[in-house]
């Protein structure tokens, strides 16, 4: 199982109904996130593995494992591209 590591801390804030994930990495990268993506970030922060995250997304939000995996994959690509995540 792949263990994930966020390389920086983050905070999720809501402004005018929009959730933002603000990564505290000096430059402070900001992403617009939905409730599912925010939940994935919290699971990553807790050190959950990829399969565990997909399972949690399925049980918590009822997302099909393929959809949960796609959401996780898209998020990990964005984080890796900005040096915010490591496997």
PDB file of N, CA and C in Angstrom:
ATOM      1  N   UNK A   1       0.837  -1.166   0.000  1.00  0.00           N
ATOM      2  CA  UNK A   1       0.000   0.000   0.000  1.00  0.00           C
ATOM      3  C   UNK A   1       0.892   1.243   0.000  1.00  0.00           C
ATOM      4  N   UNK A   2       0.520   2.217  -0.799  1.00  0.00           N
ATOM      5  CA  UNK A   2       1.276   3.459  -0.889  1.00  0.00           C
ATOM      6  C   UNK A   2       0.910   4.360   0.289  1.00  0.00           C
ATOM      7  N   UNK A   3       1.906   4.817   1.000  1.00  0.00           N
ATOM      8  CA  UNK A   3       1.682   5.787   2.066  1.00  0.00           C
ATOM      9  C   UNK A   3       1.992   7.165   1.508  1.00  0.00           C
ATOM     10  N   UNK A   4       1.135   8.099   1.804  1.00  0.00           N
ATOM     11  CA  UNK A   4       1.277   9.446   1.260  1.00  0.00           C
ATOM     12  C   UNK A   4       1.768  10.385   2.333  1.00  0.00           C
ATOM     13  N   UNK A   5       2.483  11.417   1.890  1.00  0.00           N
ATOM     14  CA  UNK A   5       2.975  12.416   2.828  1.00  0.00           C
ATOM     15  C   UNK A   5       2.802  13.800   2.242  1.00  0.00           C
ATOM     16  N   UNK A   6       2.048  14.611   2.938  1.00  0.00           N
ATOM     17  CA  UNK A   6       1.995  16.018   2.572  1.00  0.00           C
ATOM     18  C   UNK A   6       3.284  16.638   3.078  1.00  0.00           C
ATOM     19  N   UNK A   7       3.925  17.432   2.260  1.00  0.00           N
ATOM     20  CA  UNK A   7       5.204  18.014   2.625  1.00  0.00           C
ATOM     21  C   UNK A   7       5.071  19.342   3.352  1.00  0.00           C
ATOM     22  N   UNK A   8       3.885  19.902   3.332  1.00  0.00           N
ATOM     23  CA  UNK A   8       3.639  21.181   4.011  1.00  0.00           C
ATOM     24  C   UNK A   8       2.286  21.115   4.698  1.00  0.00           C
ATOM     25  N   UNK A   9       2.080  21.999   5.644  1.00  0.00           N
ATOM     26  CA  UNK A   9       0.793  22.082   6.314  1.00  0.00           C
ATOM     27  C   UNK A   9      -0.151  22.927   5.462  1.00  0.00           C
ATOM     28  N   UNK A  10      -1.428  22.820   5.742  1.00  0.00           N
ATOM     29  CA  UNK A  10      -2.420  23.595   4.991  1.00  0.00           C
ATOM     30  C   UNK A  10      -3.559  23.962   5.918  1.00  0.00           C
ATOM     31  N   UNK A  11      -4.356  24.873   5.439  1.00  0.00           N
ATOM     32  CA  UNK A  11      -5.559  25.288   6.153  1.00  0.00           C
ATOM     33  C   UNK A  11      -6.674  25.386   5.125  1.00  0.00           C
ATOM     34  N   UNK A  12      -7.868  24.932   5.492  1.00  0.00           N
ATOM     35  CA  UNK A  12      -9.011  25.080   4.595  1.00  0.00           C
ATOM     36  C   UNK A  12      -9.883  26.197   5.149  1.00  0.00           C
ATOM     37  N   UNK A  13     -10.135  27.183   4.303  1.00  0.00           N
ATOM     38  CA  UNK A  13     -10.968  28.321   4.686  1.00  0.00           C
ATOM     39  C   UNK A  13     -12.110  28.446   3.692  1.00  0.00           C
ATOM     40  N   UNK A  14     -13.159  29.108   4.111  1.00  0.00           N
ATOM     41  CA  UNK A  14     -14.297  29.339   3.221  1.00  0.00           C
ATOM     42  C   UNK A  14     -14.488  30.833   3.051  1.00  0.00           C
ATOM     43  N   UNK A  15     -14.548  31.252   1.783  1.00  0.00           N
ATOM     44  CA  UNK A  15     -14.759  32.662   1.469  1.00  0.00           C
ATOM     45  C   UNK A  15     -15.885  32.759   0.450  1.00  0.00           C
ATOM     46  N   UNK A  16     -16.923  33.466   0.797  1.00  0.00           N
ATOM     47  CA  UNK A  16     -18.087  33.650  -0.087  1.00  0.00           C
ATOM     48  C   UNK A  16     -18.622  32.320  -0.602  1.00  0.00           C
ATOM     49  N   UNK A  17     -18.649  31.314   0.270  1.00  0.00           N
ATOM     50  CA  UNK A  17     -19.181  30.015  -0.112  1.00  0.00           C
ATOM     51  C   UNK A  17     -18.209  29.123  -0.855  1.00  0.00           C
ATOM     52  N   UNK A  18     -16.992  29.580  -1.095  1.00  0.00           N
ATOM     53  CA  UNK A  18     -15.983  28.792  -1.797  1.00  0.00           C
ATOM     54  C   UNK A  18     -14.935  28.324  -0.803  1.00  0.00           C
ATOM     55  N   UNK A  19     -14.651  27.027  -0.823  1.00  0.00           N
ATOM     56  CA  UNK A  19     -13.612  26.487   0.053  1.00  0.00           C
ATOM     57  C   UNK A  19     -12.266  26.608  -0.634  1.00  0.00           C
ATOM     58  N   UNK A  20     -11.291  27.060   0.137  1.00  0.00           N
ATOM     59  CA  UNK A  20      -9.930  27.196  -0.376  1.00  0.00           C
ATOM     60  C   UNK A  20      -8.987  26.412   0.518  1.00  0.00           C
ATOM     61  N   UNK A  21      -8.073  25.688  -0.100  1.00  0.00           N
ATOM     62  CA  UNK A  21      -6.999  25.033   0.639  1.00  0.00           C
ATOM     63  C   UNK A  21      -5.765  25.901   0.447  1.00  0.00           C
ATOM     64  N   UNK A  22      -5.248  26.416   1.533  1.00  0.00           N
ATOM     65  CA  UNK A  22      -4.068  27.283   1.484  1.00  0.00           C
ATOM     66  C   UNK A  22      -2.895  26.496   2.059  1.00  0.00           C
ATOM     67  N   UNK A  23      -1.917  26.209   1.215  1.00  0.00           N
ATOM     68  CA  UNK A  23      -0.753  25.444   1.632  1.00  0.00           C
ATOM     69  C   UNK A  23       0.330  26.386   2.123  1.00  0.00           C
ATOM     70  N   UNK A  24       0.808  26.133   3.324  1.00  0.00           N
ATOM     71  CA  UNK A  24       1.800  26.997   3.973  1.00  0.00           C
ATOM     72  C   UNK A  24       3.204  26.559   3.567  1.00  0.00           C
ATOM     73  N   UNK A  25       3.622  26.963   2.383  1.00  0.00           N
ATOM     74  CA  UNK A  25       4.911  26.521   1.848  1.00  0.00           C
ATOM     75  C   UNK A  25       5.786  27.696   1.430  1.00  0.00           C
ATOM     76  N   UNK A  26       5.631  28.803   2.089  1.00  0.00           N
ATOM     77  CA  UNK A  26       6.405  29.979   1.700  1.00  0.00           C
ATOM     78  C   UNK A  26       5.651  30.791   0.667  1.00  0.00           C
ATOM     79  N   UNK A  27       5.388  30.192  -0.500  1.00  0.00           N
ATOM     80  CA  UNK A  27       4.644  30.882  -1.544  1.00  0.00           C
ATOM     81  C   UNK A  27       3.146  30.807  -1.333  1.00  0.00           C
ATOM     82  N   UNK A  28       2.726  29.946  -0.431  1.00  0.00           N
ATOM     83  CA  UNK A  28       1.321  29.737  -0.116  1.00  0.00           C
ATOM     84  C   UNK A  28       0.464  29.472  -1.358  1.00  0.00           C
ATOM     85  N   UNK A  29       0.613  28.263  -1.909  1.00  0.00           N
ATOM     86  CA  UNK A  29      -0.245  27.835  -3.005  1.00  0.00           C
ATOM     87  C   UNK A  29      -1.679  27.731  -2.506  1.00  0.00           C
ATOM     88  N   UNK A  30      -2.619  28.141  -3.346  1.00  0.00           N
ATOM     89  CA  UNK A  30      -4.034  28.127  -2.981  1.00  0.00           C
ATOM     90  C   UNK A  30      -4.801  27.354  -4.050  1.00  0.00           C
ATOM     91  N   UNK A  31      -5.648  26.433  -3.603  1.00  0.00           N
ATOM     92  CA  UNK A  31      -6.497  25.672  -4.515  1.00  0.00           C
ATOM     93  C   UNK A  31      -7.940  25.811  -4.080  1.00  0.00           C
ATOM     94  N   UNK A  32      -8.839  25.921  -5.033  1.00  0.00           N
ATOM     95  CA  UNK A  32     -10.266  25.834  -4.740  1.00  0.00           C
ATOM     96  C   UNK A  32     -10.573  24.351  -4.587  1.00  0.00           C
ATOM     97  N   UNK A  33     -11.256  23.993  -3.511  1.00  0.00           N
ATOM     98  CA  UNK A  33     -11.568  22.589  -3.261  1.00  0.00           C
ATOM     99  C   UNK A  33     -13.055  22.446  -2.969  1.00  0.00           C
ATOM    100  N   UNK A  34     -13.561  21.256  -3.225  1.00  0.00           N
ATOM    101  CA  UNK A  34     -14.926  20.950  -2.829  1.00  0.00           C
ATOM    102  C   UNK A  34     -14.871  20.125  -1.544  1.00  0.00           C
ATOM    103  N   UNK A  35     -16.018  19.743  -1.012  1.00  0.00           N
ATOM    104  CA  UNK A  35     -16.024  19.034   0.270  1.00  0.00           C
ATOM    105  C   UNK A  35     -15.310  17.691   0.175  1.00  0.00           C
ATOM    106  N   UNK A  36     -15.412  17.021  -0.973  1.00  0.00           N
ATOM    107  CA  UNK A  36     -14.737  15.732  -1.126  1.00  0.00           C
ATOM    108  C   UNK A  36     -13.221  15.895  -1.150  1.00  0.00           C
ATOM    109  N   UNK A  37     -12.746  16.902  -1.872  1.00  0.00           N
ATOM    110  CA  UNK A  37     -11.305  17.147  -1.938  1.00  0.00           C
ATOM    111  C   UNK A  37     -10.773  17.562  -0.573  1.00  0.00           C
ATOM    112  N   UNK A  38     -11.524  18.366   0.149  1.00  0.00           N
ATOM    113  CA  UNK A  38     -11.121  18.761   1.501  1.00  0.00           C
ATOM    114  C   UNK A  38     -11.028  17.535   2.400  1.00  0.00           C
ATOM    115  N   UNK A  39     -11.954  16.610   2.252  1.00  0.00           N
ATOM    116  CA  UNK A  39     -11.938  15.379   3.039  1.00  0.00           C
ATOM    117  C   UNK A  39     -10.699  14.537   2.688  1.00  0.00           C
ATOM    118  N   UNK A  40     -10.383  14.446   1.409  1.00  0.00           N
ATOM    119  CA  UNK A  40      -9.188  13.708   0.984  1.00  0.00           C
ATOM    120  C   UNK A  40      -7.939  14.338   1.595  1.00  0.00           C
ATOM    121  N   UNK A  41      -7.851  15.655   1.563  1.00  0.00           N
ATOM    122  CA  UNK A  41      -6.692  16.328   2.161  1.00  0.00           C
ATOM    123  C   UNK A  41      -6.560  15.983   3.645  1.00  0.00           C
ATOM    124  N   UNK A  42      -7.676  15.953   4.353  1.00  0.00           N
ATOM    125  CA  UNK A  42      -7.628  15.607   5.769  1.00  0.00           C
ATOM    126  C   UNK A  42      -7.146  14.171   5.970  1.00  0.00           C
ATOM    127  N   UNK A  43      -7.554  13.265   5.099  1.00  0.00           N
ATOM    128  CA  UNK A  43      -7.097  11.880   5.200  1.00  0.00           C
ATOM    129  C   UNK A  43      -5.607  11.775   4.874  1.00  0.00           C
ATOM    130  N   UNK A  44      -5.157  12.531   3.879  1.00  0.00           N
ATOM    131  CA  UNK A  44      -3.723  12.552   3.561  1.00  0.00           C
ATOM    132  C   UNK A  44      -2.920  13.063   4.752  1.00  0.00           C
ATOM    133  N   UNK A  45      -3.433  14.101   5.373  1.00  0.00           N
ATOM    134  CA  UNK A  45      -2.754  14.691   6.524  1.00  0.00           C
ATOM    135  C   UNK A  45      -2.619  13.676   7.660  1.00  0.00           C
ATOM    136  N   UNK A  46      -3.622  12.803   7.788  1.00  0.00           N
ATOM    137  CA  UNK A  46      -3.598  11.772   8.828  1.00  0.00           C
ATOM    138  C   UNK A  46      -2.720  10.581   8.438  1.00  0.00           C
ATOM    139  N   UNK A  47      -2.189  10.589   7.204  1.00  0.00           N
ATOM    140  CA  UNK A  47      -1.301   9.513   6.770  1.00  0.00           C
ATOM    141  C   UNK A  47      -1.996   8.309   6.167  1.00  0.00           C
ATOM    142  N   UNK A  48      -3.237   8.460   5.765  1.00  0.00           N
ATOM    143  CA  UNK A  48      -3.954   7.355   5.135  1.00  0.00           C
ATOM    144  C   UNK A  48      -3.295   6.996   3.804  1.00  0.00           C
ATOM    145  N   UNK A  49      -3.312   5.726   3.450  1.00  0.00           N
ATOM    146  CA  UNK A  49      -2.824   5.266   2.156  1.00  0.00           C
ATOM    147  C   UNK A  49      -3.889   5.445   1.087  1.00  0.00           C
ATOM    148  N   UNK A  50      -3.489   5.298  -0.160  1.00  0.00           N
ATOM    149  CA  UNK A  50      -4.412   5.523  -1.273  1.00  0.00           C
ATOM    150  C   UNK A  50      -5.639   4.620  -1.213  1.00  0.00           C
ATOM    151  N   UNK A  51      -5.442   3.323  -0.976  1.00  0.00           N
ATOM    152  CA  UNK A  51      -6.575   2.392  -0.921  1.00  0.00           C
ATOM    153  C   UNK A  51      -7.498   2.730   0.250  1.00  0.00           C
ATOM    154  N   UNK A  52      -6.915   3.134   1.365  1.00  0.00           N
ATOM    155  CA  UNK A  52      -7.725   3.523   2.528  1.00  0.00           C
ATOM    156  C   UNK A  52      -8.564   4.761   2.220  1.00  0.00           C
ATOM    157  N   UNK A  53      -7.988   5.695   1.489  1.00  0.00           N
ATOM    158  CA  UNK A  53      -8.709   6.917   1.134  1.00  0.00           C
ATOM    159  C   UNK A  53      -9.878   6.605   0.220  1.00  0.00           C
ATOM    160  N   UNK A  54      -9.653   5.757  -0.780  1.00  0.00           N
ATOM    161  CA  UNK A  54     -10.732   5.379  -1.698  1.00  0.00           C
ATOM    162  C   UNK A  54     -11.852   4.690  -0.919  1.00  0.00           C
ATOM    163  N   UNK A  55     -11.494   3.811  -0.007  1.00  0.00           N
ATOM    164  CA  UNK A  55     -12.494   3.120   0.809  1.00  0.00           C
ATOM    165  C   UNK A  55     -13.273   4.100   1.686  1.00  0.00           C
ATOM    166  N   UNK A  56     -12.570   5.049   2.303  1.00  0.00           N
ATOM    167  CA  UNK A  56     -13.228   6.060   3.134  1.00  0.00           C
ATOM    168  C   UNK A  56     -14.178   6.927   2.307  1.00  0.00           C
ATOM    169  N   UNK A  57     -13.753   7.313   1.114  1.00  0.00           N
ATOM    170  CA  UNK A  57     -14.593   8.147   0.251  1.00  0.00           C
ATOM    171  C   UNK A  57     -15.855   7.384  -0.148  1.00  0.00           C
ATOM    172  N   UNK A  58     -15.716   6.086  -0.358  1.00  0.00           N
ATOM    173  CA  UNK A  58     -16.864   5.261  -0.699  1.00  0.00           C
ATOM    174  C   UNK A  58     -17.824   5.166   0.473  1.00  0.00           C
ATOM    175  N   UNK A  59     -17.307   4.941   1.674  1.00  0.00           N
ATOM    176  CA  UNK A  59     -18.204   4.780   2.817  1.00  0.00           C
ATOM    177  C   UNK A  59     -18.751   6.122   3.317  1.00  0.00           C
ATOM    178  N   UNK A  60     -17.964   7.185   3.239  1.00  0.00           N
ATOM    179  CA  UNK A  60     -18.401   8.482   3.770  1.00  0.00           C
ATOM    180  C   UNK A  60     -19.321   9.228   2.806  1.00  0.00           C
ATOM    181  N   UNK A  61     -18.977   9.226   1.521  1.00  0.00           N
ATOM    182  CA  UNK A  61     -19.759   9.986   0.536  1.00  0.00           C
ATOM    183  C   UNK A  61     -20.521   9.099  -0.447  1.00  0.00           C
ATOM    184  N   UNK A  62     -20.317   7.796  -0.372  1.00  0.00           N
ATOM    185  CA  UNK A  62     -20.987   6.896  -1.306  1.00  0.00           C
ATOM    186  C   UNK A  62     -20.431   6.980  -2.716  1.00  0.00           C
ATOM    187  N   UNK A  63     -19.202   7.491  -2.848  1.00  0.00           N
ATOM    188  CA  UNK A  63     -18.598   7.597  -4.172  1.00  0.00           C
ATOM    189  C   UNK A  63     -18.148   6.233  -4.667  1.00  0.00           C
ATOM    190  N   UNK A  64     -18.396   5.961  -5.941  1.00  0.00           N
ATOM    191  CA  UNK A  64     -17.900   4.742  -6.563  1.00  0.00           C
ATOM    192  C   UNK A  64     -16.374   4.760  -6.450  1.00  0.00           C
ATOM    193  N   UNK A  65     -15.750   3.610  -6.181  1.00  0.00           N
ATOM    194  CA  UNK A  65     -14.291   3.575  -6.040  1.00  0.00           C
ATOM    195  C   UNK A  65     -13.526   4.179  -7.223  1.00  0.00           C
ATOM    196  N   UNK A  66     -14.045   4.023  -8.435  1.00  0.00           N
ATOM    197  CA  UNK A  66     -13.370   4.618  -9.606  1.00  0.00           C
ATOM    198  C   UNK A  66     -13.384   6.141  -9.527  1.00  0.00           C
ATOM    199  N   UNK A  67     -14.512   6.710  -9.148  1.00  0.00           N
ATOM    200  CA  UNK A  67     -14.620   8.163  -9.027  1.00  0.00           C
ATOM    201  C   UNK A  67     -13.747   8.672  -7.882  1.00  0.00           C
ATOM    202  N   UNK A  68     -13.775   7.981  -6.754  1.00  0.00           N
ATOM    203  CA  UNK A  68     -12.927   8.369  -5.624  1.00  0.00           C
ATOM    204  C   UNK A  68     -11.449   8.293  -6.011  1.00  0.00           C
ATOM    205  N   UNK A  69     -11.077   7.254  -6.726  1.00  0.00           N
ATOM    206  CA  UNK A  69      -9.691   7.105  -7.184  1.00  0.00           C
ATOM    207  C   UNK A  69      -9.294   8.219  -8.142  1.00  0.00           C
ATOM    208  N   UNK A  70     -10.219   8.619  -9.020  1.00  0.00           N
ATOM    209  CA  UNK A  70      -9.936   9.714  -9.956  1.00  0.00           C
ATOM    210  C   UNK A  70      -9.751  11.042  -9.216  1.00  0.00           C
ATOM    211  N   UNK A  71     -10.613  11.310  -8.229  1.00  0.00           N
ATOM    212  CA  UNK A  71     -10.473  12.533  -7.438  1.00  0.00           C
ATOM    213  C   UNK A  71      -9.127  12.552  -6.717  1.00  0.00           C
ATOM    214  N   UNK A  72      -8.785  11.430  -6.096  1.00  0.00           N
ATOM    215  CA  UNK A  72      -7.511  11.324  -5.384  1.00  0.00           C
ATOM    216  C   UNK A  72      -6.342  11.496  -6.349  1.00  0.00           C
ATOM    217  N   UNK A  73      -6.394  10.811  -7.485  1.00  0.00           N
ATOM    218  CA  UNK A  73      -5.317  10.909  -8.471  1.00  0.00           C
ATOM    219  C   UNK A  73      -5.112  12.319  -8.984  1.00  0.00           C
ATOM    220  N   UNK A  74      -6.203  13.011  -9.297  1.00  0.00           N
ATOM    221  CA  UNK A  74      -6.102  14.391  -9.781  1.00  0.00           C
ATOM    222  C   UNK A  74      -5.478  15.303  -8.728  1.00  0.00           C
ATOM    223  N   UNK A  75      -5.895  15.125  -7.477  1.00  0.00           N
ATOM    224  CA  UNK A  75      -5.354  15.939  -6.396  1.00  0.00           C
ATOM    225  C   UNK A  75      -3.863  15.661  -6.205  1.00  0.00           C
ATOM    226  N   UNK A  76      -3.476  14.389  -6.222  1.00  0.00           N
ATOM    227  CA  UNK A  76      -2.066  14.038  -6.020  1.00  0.00           C
ATOM    228  C   UNK A  76      -1.182  14.593  -7.127  1.00  0.00           C
ATOM    229  N   UNK A  77      -1.684  14.583  -8.352  1.00  0.00           N
ATOM    230  CA  UNK A  77      -0.915  15.149  -9.471  1.00  0.00           C
ATOM    231  C   UNK A  77      -0.679  16.636  -9.243  1.00  0.00           C
ATOM    232  N   UNK A  78      -1.741  17.367  -8.845  1.00  0.00           N
ATOM    233  CA  UNK A  78      -1.574  18.802  -8.585  1.00  0.00           C
ATOM    234  C   UNK A  78      -0.586  19.059  -7.454  1.00  0.00           C
ATOM    235  N   UNK A  79      -0.687  18.254  -6.394  1.00  0.00           N
ATOM    236  CA  UNK A  79       0.214  18.437  -5.254  1.00  0.00           C
ATOM    237  C   UNK A  79       1.656  18.098  -5.609  1.00  0.00           C
ATOM    238  N   UNK A  80       1.846  17.000  -6.335  1.00  0.00           N
ATOM    239  CA  UNK A  80       3.211  16.597  -6.725  1.00  0.00           C
ATOM    240  C   UNK A  80       3.839  17.621  -7.655  1.00  0.00           C
ATOM    241  N   UNK A  81       3.047  18.130  -8.593  1.00  0.00           N
ATOM    242  CA  UNK A  81       3.569  19.123  -9.546  1.00  0.00           C
ATOM    243  C   UNK A  81       4.077  20.378  -8.851  1.00  0.00           C
ATOM    244  N   UNK A  82       3.537  20.649  -7.661  1.00  0.00           N
ATOM    245  CA  UNK A  82       3.933  21.840  -6.914  1.00  0.00           C
ATOM    246  C   UNK A  82       4.791  21.500  -5.690  1.00  0.00           C
ATOM    247  N   UNK A  83       5.362  20.295  -5.689  1.00  0.00           N
ATOM    248  CA  UNK A  83       6.253  19.852  -4.606  1.00  0.00           C
ATOM    249  C   UNK A  83       5.603  19.960  -3.234  1.00  0.00           C
ATOM    250  N   UNK A  84       4.314  19.629  -3.158  1.00  0.00           N
ATOM    251  CA  UNK A  84       3.603  19.670  -1.894  1.00  0.00           C
ATOM    252  C   UNK A  84       3.332  18.267  -1.343  1.00  0.00           C
ATOM    253  N   UNK A  85       3.731  17.238  -2.095  1.00  0.00           N
ATOM    254  CA  UNK A  85       3.384  15.863  -1.749  1.00  0.00           C
ATOM    255  C   UNK A  85       4.512  14.934  -2.180  1.00  0.00           C
ATOM    256  N   UNK A  86       4.698  13.889  -1.403  1.00  0.00           N
ATOM    257  CA  UNK A  86       5.707  12.872  -1.743  1.00  0.00           C
ATOM    258  C   UNK A  86       5.174  11.491  -1.421  1.00  0.00           C
ATOM    259  N   UNK A  87       5.575  10.508  -2.225  1.00  0.00           N
ATOM    260  CA  UNK A  87       5.210   9.117  -1.933  1.00  0.00           C
ATOM    261  C   UNK A  87       6.444   8.371  -1.515  1.00  0.00           C
TER     262      UNK A  87
END
